[in-house]
Amino acid sequence: MKLTRITLCLALATSLLAGCAAPPRAESGRIDQPIGSVLVRIQKNTGSYGTGQVTTTATRMAPRLWKGQQVAVYANNPGLTLYQLPPNGSFVGFFDGETPVLTFDPPSSYDWPLEVGKSWTRRYNLTIHRANRVMPVEVKVTVEAYEDVTMPGGTFKAFRIRSVDNLGNDDVNWFSPDLGVFVKQKLTRTAAHFDGAGTREVETIRQTIK
């Protein structure tokens, strides 16, 4: 009887301790991946995003200067090059080589730290350079969960983050705090989007980030 009571008490204590564990939290973004790190993903498109399936490779390149500031550079093949600002990886924009295609003013960033249940609104101007068009954007962002996400490239612990904006985008991104990158994305353009409805699903199939 005494042993049974001790066992029950230990089980209860373990349960209580697990329930009191600190919730996951990502203090800041990361752009410290070594130069040459590679993220290989499979991309499935429908509607205004295009059709079919393509494999993309994002490679961490040497830093560059943009408007006098050093930026982290991720070259996508096929696709546009992404510029991000230290220290938290604020998104500067997408470039064709060094020519701006889409830029965010001010650079778009998450509201760090990330915690499940946190939500905020961010605002910026989106410039579409080839059309010489500037569009005000308002995005409602919610950290919905911290969960395991399994893909061909493995299983990752990731924050599931939903972003809904006034342009008709309804996007879900899975951010890995360990790697400092999005390991999975489900991007949705609704019928209200100026390019029309479409979806893009992106999953990691291989990565060399240390």
Foldseek 3Di string as FASTA:
>chain_A
DVVVVVVVVVVVVVVVVVVPDDADKQFAFQDPWDFFWKFKKKKAKDDLVDHDIDIKIWGWHDWDDDPRATWTWIDMVVDWIWTAHPDHGFTQATADVPHGQKGWVVGHGDDPIDGAFDKDKDWTWIAGPVVRDIDIKIKIKHFHDFDWDQDLAGIATWTWMWIDMPQQKTKIFTAGSVQSGTQWIWIWRDCSHPSGTMIMIMHTNHIDTD
